[in-house]
Every structure is written in structure tokens, then in C-alpha cells.
N, C-alpha and C. Protein backbone atom coordinates (compact mmCIF):
# COMPACT_ATOMS: atom_id res chain seq x y z
N UNK A 1 -10.68 -0.66 -4.80
CA UNK A 1 -10.13 -1.97 -4.48
C UNK A 1 -9.44 -1.87 -3.12
N UNK A 2 -9.80 -2.72 -2.21
CA UNK A 2 -9.24 -2.62 -0.86
C UNK A 2 -8.01 -3.52 -0.71
N UNK A 3 -7.17 -3.15 0.23
CA UNK A 3 -5.96 -3.92 0.53
C UNK A 3 -6.22 -4.85 1.71
N UNK A 4 -5.87 -6.11 1.54
CA UNK A 4 -6.01 -7.11 2.59
C UNK A 4 -4.59 -7.52 2.99
N UNK A 5 -4.19 -7.19 4.21
CA UNK A 5 -2.83 -7.45 4.67
C UNK A 5 -2.72 -8.83 5.32
N UNK A 6 -1.71 -9.57 4.92
CA UNK A 6 -1.34 -10.79 5.63
C UNK A 6 -0.93 -10.34 7.04
N UNK A 7 -1.26 -11.10 8.09
CA UNK A 7 -0.92 -10.67 9.46
C UNK A 7 0.57 -10.37 9.64
N UNK A 8 1.44 -11.11 9.00
CA UNK A 8 2.87 -10.84 9.13
C UNK A 8 3.28 -9.57 8.38
N UNK A 9 2.59 -9.26 7.29
CA UNK A 9 2.84 -8.01 6.57
C UNK A 9 2.43 -6.82 7.44
N UNK A 10 1.32 -6.96 8.12
CA UNK A 10 0.87 -5.90 9.03
C UNK A 10 1.89 -5.69 10.15
N UNK A 11 2.41 -6.79 10.68
CA UNK A 11 3.43 -6.70 11.73
C UNK A 11 4.70 -6.03 11.20
N UNK A 12 5.10 -6.37 9.99
CA UNK A 12 6.28 -5.74 9.38
C UNK A 12 6.07 -4.23 9.23
N UNK A 13 4.87 -3.85 8.85
CA UNK A 13 4.56 -2.43 8.69
C UNK A 13 4.69 -1.71 10.03
N UNK A 14 4.10 -2.27 11.07
CA UNK A 14 4.16 -1.64 12.40
C UNK A 14 5.59 -1.57 12.92
N UNK A 15 6.38 -2.61 12.68
CA UNK A 15 7.78 -2.61 13.11
C UNK A 15 8.59 -1.55 12.37
N UNK A 16 8.34 -1.39 11.08
CA UNK A 16 9.05 -0.38 10.31
C UNK A 16 8.67 1.03 10.77
N UNK A 17 7.39 1.24 11.04
CA UNK A 17 6.94 2.55 11.55
C UNK A 17 7.64 2.86 12.87
N UNK A 18 7.68 1.89 13.77
CA UNK A 18 8.34 2.09 15.07
C UNK A 18 9.82 2.39 14.88
N UNK A 19 10.48 1.67 13.99
CA UNK A 19 11.90 1.90 13.73
C UNK A 19 12.13 3.33 13.24
N UNK A 20 11.35 3.77 12.26
CA UNK A 20 11.53 5.11 11.71
C UNK A 20 11.19 6.20 12.72
N UNK A 21 10.22 5.95 13.59
CA UNK A 21 9.92 6.93 14.64
C UNK A 21 11.06 7.06 15.64
N UNK A 22 11.80 5.97 15.87
CA UNK A 22 12.97 6.05 16.74
C UNK A 22 14.10 6.83 16.07
N UNK A 23 14.19 6.72 14.75
CA UNK A 23 15.22 7.43 14.00
C UNK A 23 14.99 8.93 14.02
N UNK A 24 13.74 9.33 13.83
CA UNK A 24 13.40 10.75 13.78
C UNK A 24 11.90 10.91 14.01
N UNK A 25 11.54 11.83 14.89
CA UNK A 25 10.14 12.07 15.20
C UNK A 25 9.35 12.37 13.92
N UNK A 26 8.28 11.63 13.70
CA UNK A 26 7.41 11.85 12.55
C UNK A 26 7.80 11.07 11.30
N UNK A 27 8.99 10.49 11.28
CA UNK A 27 9.43 9.75 10.10
C UNK A 27 8.58 8.50 9.88
N UNK A 28 8.14 7.87 10.96
CA UNK A 28 7.26 6.71 10.85
C UNK A 28 5.95 7.07 10.16
N UNK A 29 5.42 8.25 10.46
CA UNK A 29 4.18 8.71 9.81
C UNK A 29 4.39 8.93 8.32
N UNK A 30 5.55 9.47 7.96
CA UNK A 30 5.85 9.66 6.54
C UNK A 30 5.96 8.31 5.82
N UNK A 31 6.58 7.34 6.50
CA UNK A 31 6.67 6.00 5.92
C UNK A 31 5.28 5.41 5.72
N UNK A 32 4.43 5.53 6.72
CA UNK A 32 3.06 5.02 6.62
C UNK A 32 2.31 5.68 5.46
N UNK A 33 2.45 6.97 5.30
CA UNK A 33 1.80 7.67 4.19
C UNK A 33 2.22 7.11 2.85
N UNK A 34 3.52 6.84 2.71
CA UNK A 34 4.02 6.29 1.45
C UNK A 34 3.49 4.88 1.22
N UNK A 35 3.44 4.07 2.27
CA UNK A 35 2.90 2.71 2.14
C UNK A 35 1.42 2.75 1.78
N UNK A 36 0.69 3.68 2.38
CA UNK A 36 -0.75 3.78 2.11
C UNK A 36 -1.05 4.22 0.68
N UNK A 37 -0.09 4.85 0.01
CA UNK A 37 -0.29 5.25 -1.39
C UNK A 37 -0.20 4.05 -2.33
N UNK A 38 0.50 3.01 -1.90
CA UNK A 38 0.73 1.86 -2.77
C UNK A 38 -0.56 1.20 -3.25
N UNK A 39 -1.54 0.88 -2.37
CA UNK A 39 -2.76 0.23 -2.87
C UNK A 39 -3.52 1.06 -3.92
N UNK A 40 -3.49 2.37 -3.78
CA UNK A 40 -4.16 3.22 -4.78
C UNK A 40 -3.47 3.08 -6.13
N UNK A 41 -2.13 3.15 -6.11
CA UNK A 41 -1.37 2.99 -7.34
C UNK A 41 -1.62 1.60 -7.93
N UNK A 42 -1.58 0.57 -7.08
CA UNK A 42 -1.76 -0.81 -7.54
C UNK A 42 -3.15 -0.99 -8.14
N UNK A 43 -4.16 -0.43 -7.52
CA UNK A 43 -5.53 -0.55 -8.04
C UNK A 43 -5.64 0.09 -9.43
N UNK A 44 -4.96 1.21 -9.62
CA UNK A 44 -5.00 1.91 -10.91
C UNK A 44 -4.12 1.23 -11.96
N UNK A 45 -3.02 0.63 -11.51
CA UNK A 45 -2.03 0.03 -12.43
C UNK A 45 -1.59 -1.33 -11.87
N UNK A 46 -2.46 -2.33 -11.84
CA UNK A 46 -2.15 -3.59 -11.15
C UNK A 46 -0.94 -4.34 -11.68
N UNK A 47 -0.59 -4.15 -12.93
CA UNK A 47 0.53 -4.90 -13.51
C UNK A 47 1.75 -4.03 -13.76
N UNK A 48 1.78 -2.82 -13.22
CA UNK A 48 2.91 -1.92 -13.45
C UNK A 48 4.14 -2.30 -12.65
N UNK A 49 3.96 -2.89 -11.50
CA UNK A 49 5.10 -3.25 -10.65
C UNK A 49 5.77 -4.52 -11.18
N UNK A 50 7.00 -4.71 -10.78
CA UNK A 50 7.81 -5.84 -11.23
C UNK A 50 7.28 -7.15 -10.66
N UNK A 51 7.12 -8.15 -11.52
CA UNK A 51 6.73 -9.49 -11.06
C UNK A 51 7.96 -10.15 -10.46
N UNK A 52 7.81 -10.69 -9.25
CA UNK A 52 8.95 -11.34 -8.59
C UNK A 52 8.81 -12.86 -8.55
N UNK A 53 7.56 -13.35 -8.61
CA UNK A 53 7.33 -14.80 -8.63
C UNK A 53 5.88 -15.04 -9.02
N UNK A 54 5.66 -15.61 -10.17
CA UNK A 54 4.30 -15.85 -10.62
C UNK A 54 3.50 -14.56 -10.69
N UNK A 55 2.39 -14.51 -9.97
CA UNK A 55 1.53 -13.32 -9.95
C UNK A 55 1.86 -12.37 -8.80
N UNK A 56 2.93 -12.66 -8.08
CA UNK A 56 3.36 -11.79 -6.99
C UNK A 56 4.22 -10.66 -7.56
N UNK A 57 3.88 -9.44 -7.19
CA UNK A 57 4.60 -8.26 -7.69
C UNK A 57 5.14 -7.44 -6.52
N UNK A 58 6.12 -6.60 -6.84
CA UNK A 58 6.73 -5.73 -5.81
C UNK A 58 6.63 -4.28 -6.26
N UNK A 59 5.91 -3.50 -5.46
CA UNK A 59 5.79 -2.06 -5.67
C UNK A 59 6.76 -1.40 -4.71
N UNK A 60 7.74 -0.69 -5.24
CA UNK A 60 8.71 0.00 -4.39
C UNK A 60 8.07 1.21 -3.73
N UNK A 61 8.50 1.47 -2.51
CA UNK A 61 8.00 2.61 -1.73
C UNK A 61 8.92 3.80 -1.98
N UNK A 62 8.34 4.92 -2.35
CA UNK A 62 9.15 6.13 -2.59
C UNK A 62 9.80 6.59 -1.29
N UNK A 63 11.03 7.03 -1.40
CA UNK A 63 11.79 7.65 -0.31
C UNK A 63 12.29 6.68 0.76
N UNK A 64 11.91 5.41 0.68
CA UNK A 64 12.30 4.43 1.70
C UNK A 64 12.76 3.15 1.01
N UNK A 65 13.70 2.42 1.61
CA UNK A 65 14.19 1.17 0.99
C UNK A 65 13.28 -0.03 1.27
N UNK A 66 12.01 0.11 0.95
CA UNK A 66 11.01 -0.93 1.19
C UNK A 66 10.20 -1.17 -0.07
N UNK A 67 9.58 -2.34 -0.10
CA UNK A 67 8.67 -2.67 -1.17
C UNK A 67 7.43 -3.34 -0.60
N UNK A 68 6.32 -3.21 -1.31
CA UNK A 68 5.09 -3.89 -0.96
C UNK A 68 4.96 -5.07 -1.91
N UNK A 69 4.95 -6.28 -1.36
CA UNK A 69 4.75 -7.48 -2.17
C UNK A 69 3.26 -7.79 -2.15
N UNK A 70 2.68 -7.98 -3.33
CA UNK A 70 1.24 -8.13 -3.41
C UNK A 70 0.83 -9.02 -4.57
N UNK A 71 -0.41 -9.44 -4.52
CA UNK A 71 -1.07 -10.06 -5.67
C UNK A 71 -2.46 -9.45 -5.75
N UNK A 72 -2.98 -9.39 -6.96
CA UNK A 72 -4.32 -8.84 -7.16
C UNK A 72 -5.29 -10.00 -7.20
N UNK A 73 -6.27 -9.95 -6.31
CA UNK A 73 -7.28 -10.99 -6.18
C UNK A 73 -8.64 -10.37 -6.51
N UNK A 74 -9.65 -11.18 -6.79
CA UNK A 74 -10.99 -10.61 -7.04
C UNK A 74 -11.51 -9.79 -5.85
N UNK A 75 -11.16 -10.20 -4.63
CA UNK A 75 -11.64 -9.50 -3.43
C UNK A 75 -10.84 -8.25 -3.11
N UNK A 76 -9.69 -8.06 -3.75
CA UNK A 76 -8.87 -6.89 -3.48
C UNK A 76 -7.40 -7.19 -3.66
N UNK A 77 -6.59 -6.30 -3.14
CA UNK A 77 -5.14 -6.43 -3.22
C UNK A 77 -4.67 -7.18 -1.99
N UNK A 78 -4.03 -8.30 -2.19
CA UNK A 78 -3.52 -9.11 -1.09
C UNK A 78 -2.06 -8.72 -0.85
N UNK A 79 -1.80 -8.06 0.27
CA UNK A 79 -0.44 -7.63 0.62
C UNK A 79 0.22 -8.75 1.41
N UNK A 80 1.28 -9.31 0.84
CA UNK A 80 1.98 -10.43 1.47
C UNK A 80 3.11 -9.99 2.38
N UNK A 81 3.75 -8.88 2.06
CA UNK A 81 4.89 -8.44 2.86
C UNK A 81 5.15 -6.95 2.64
N UNK A 82 5.66 -6.33 3.69
CA UNK A 82 6.23 -4.99 3.62
C UNK A 82 7.71 -5.24 3.89
N UNK A 83 8.49 -5.37 2.84
CA UNK A 83 9.85 -5.86 3.01
C UNK A 83 10.91 -4.80 2.74
N UNK A 84 11.91 -4.83 3.59
CA UNK A 84 13.07 -3.98 3.35
C UNK A 84 13.86 -4.59 2.20
N UNK A 85 14.44 -3.76 1.39
CA UNK A 85 15.21 -4.23 0.24
C UNK A 85 16.52 -4.89 0.66
N UNK A 86 16.87 -4.78 1.94
CA UNK A 86 18.11 -5.36 2.45
C UNK A 86 17.90 -6.76 3.01
N UNK A 87 16.69 -7.24 3.05
CA UNK A 87 16.37 -8.54 3.63
C UNK A 87 16.47 -9.63 2.57
N UNK A 88 16.54 -10.88 3.00
CA UNK A 88 16.55 -11.99 2.05
C UNK A 88 15.37 -11.81 1.08
N UNK A 89 15.59 -11.98 -0.19
CA UNK A 89 14.55 -11.64 -1.15
C UNK A 89 13.28 -12.49 -1.12
N UNK A 90 13.35 -13.76 -0.74
CA UNK A 90 12.15 -14.61 -0.81
C UNK A 90 11.73 -15.18 0.53
N UNK A 91 11.99 -14.47 1.61
CA UNK A 91 11.63 -14.95 2.94
C UNK A 91 10.12 -15.12 3.11
N UNK A 92 9.34 -14.46 2.30
CA UNK A 92 7.89 -14.39 2.42
C UNK A 92 7.17 -15.53 1.69
N UNK A 93 7.86 -16.42 1.01
CA UNK A 93 7.24 -17.44 0.16
C UNK A 93 6.14 -18.25 0.85
N UNK A 94 6.31 -18.57 2.13
CA UNK A 94 5.32 -19.40 2.80
C UNK A 94 4.00 -18.67 3.02
N UNK A 95 3.92 -17.40 2.70
CA UNK A 95 2.68 -16.63 2.88
C UNK A 95 1.73 -16.74 1.70
N UNK A 96 2.17 -17.36 0.64
CA UNK A 96 1.34 -17.45 -0.58
C UNK A 96 0.17 -18.38 -0.33
């Protein structure tokens, strides 16, 4: 099952990688690795993550204060946001 990123989710991912690379060399790559594990987990266990609104779920990222907001569609996993846990919780609603 492939992951289809909303353009703003992709931008959030790139911004987070850049932020972590500024914090420590290579940390952005570690963050990316953790985010890339999420679709595999979601494909194997689509309903294991916490439902946050309707069919939208949040898979927490290990080792980082981020979550992947997604829904499972027939065409694949639709990633709506790569959100920091410190941000407003429902800023992504207009992406549905």
C-alpha cells in the first residue's frame, strides 16, 4: 500500500527534516527514517492508531514529538499532515 502525501504534509516533512538537521547533523535523516516506517506499520495495522476525527487517525512517530495524520483509501494511505504534537491539534482540517 503506497502513501500519498498531501502537498502541505510533504512541506511539513521537509521543514521538520531541515529543523532537525540544524539541531544536529544527521538528525533530520533519523527523523525521515522514522516517518518512512509509518506507512508500513499503517498498511499492516490500518486501525491500530488513534482515531482523531472520523476516519482520520494519528500514528505517533517514535523518538520524535510528531505524528502522521492519515486515512486509509482504496488507492493507498492518504497522509494529511506531519504534525508536531505541540501545534494546534486540528489545524489540518481543511485538508480533508
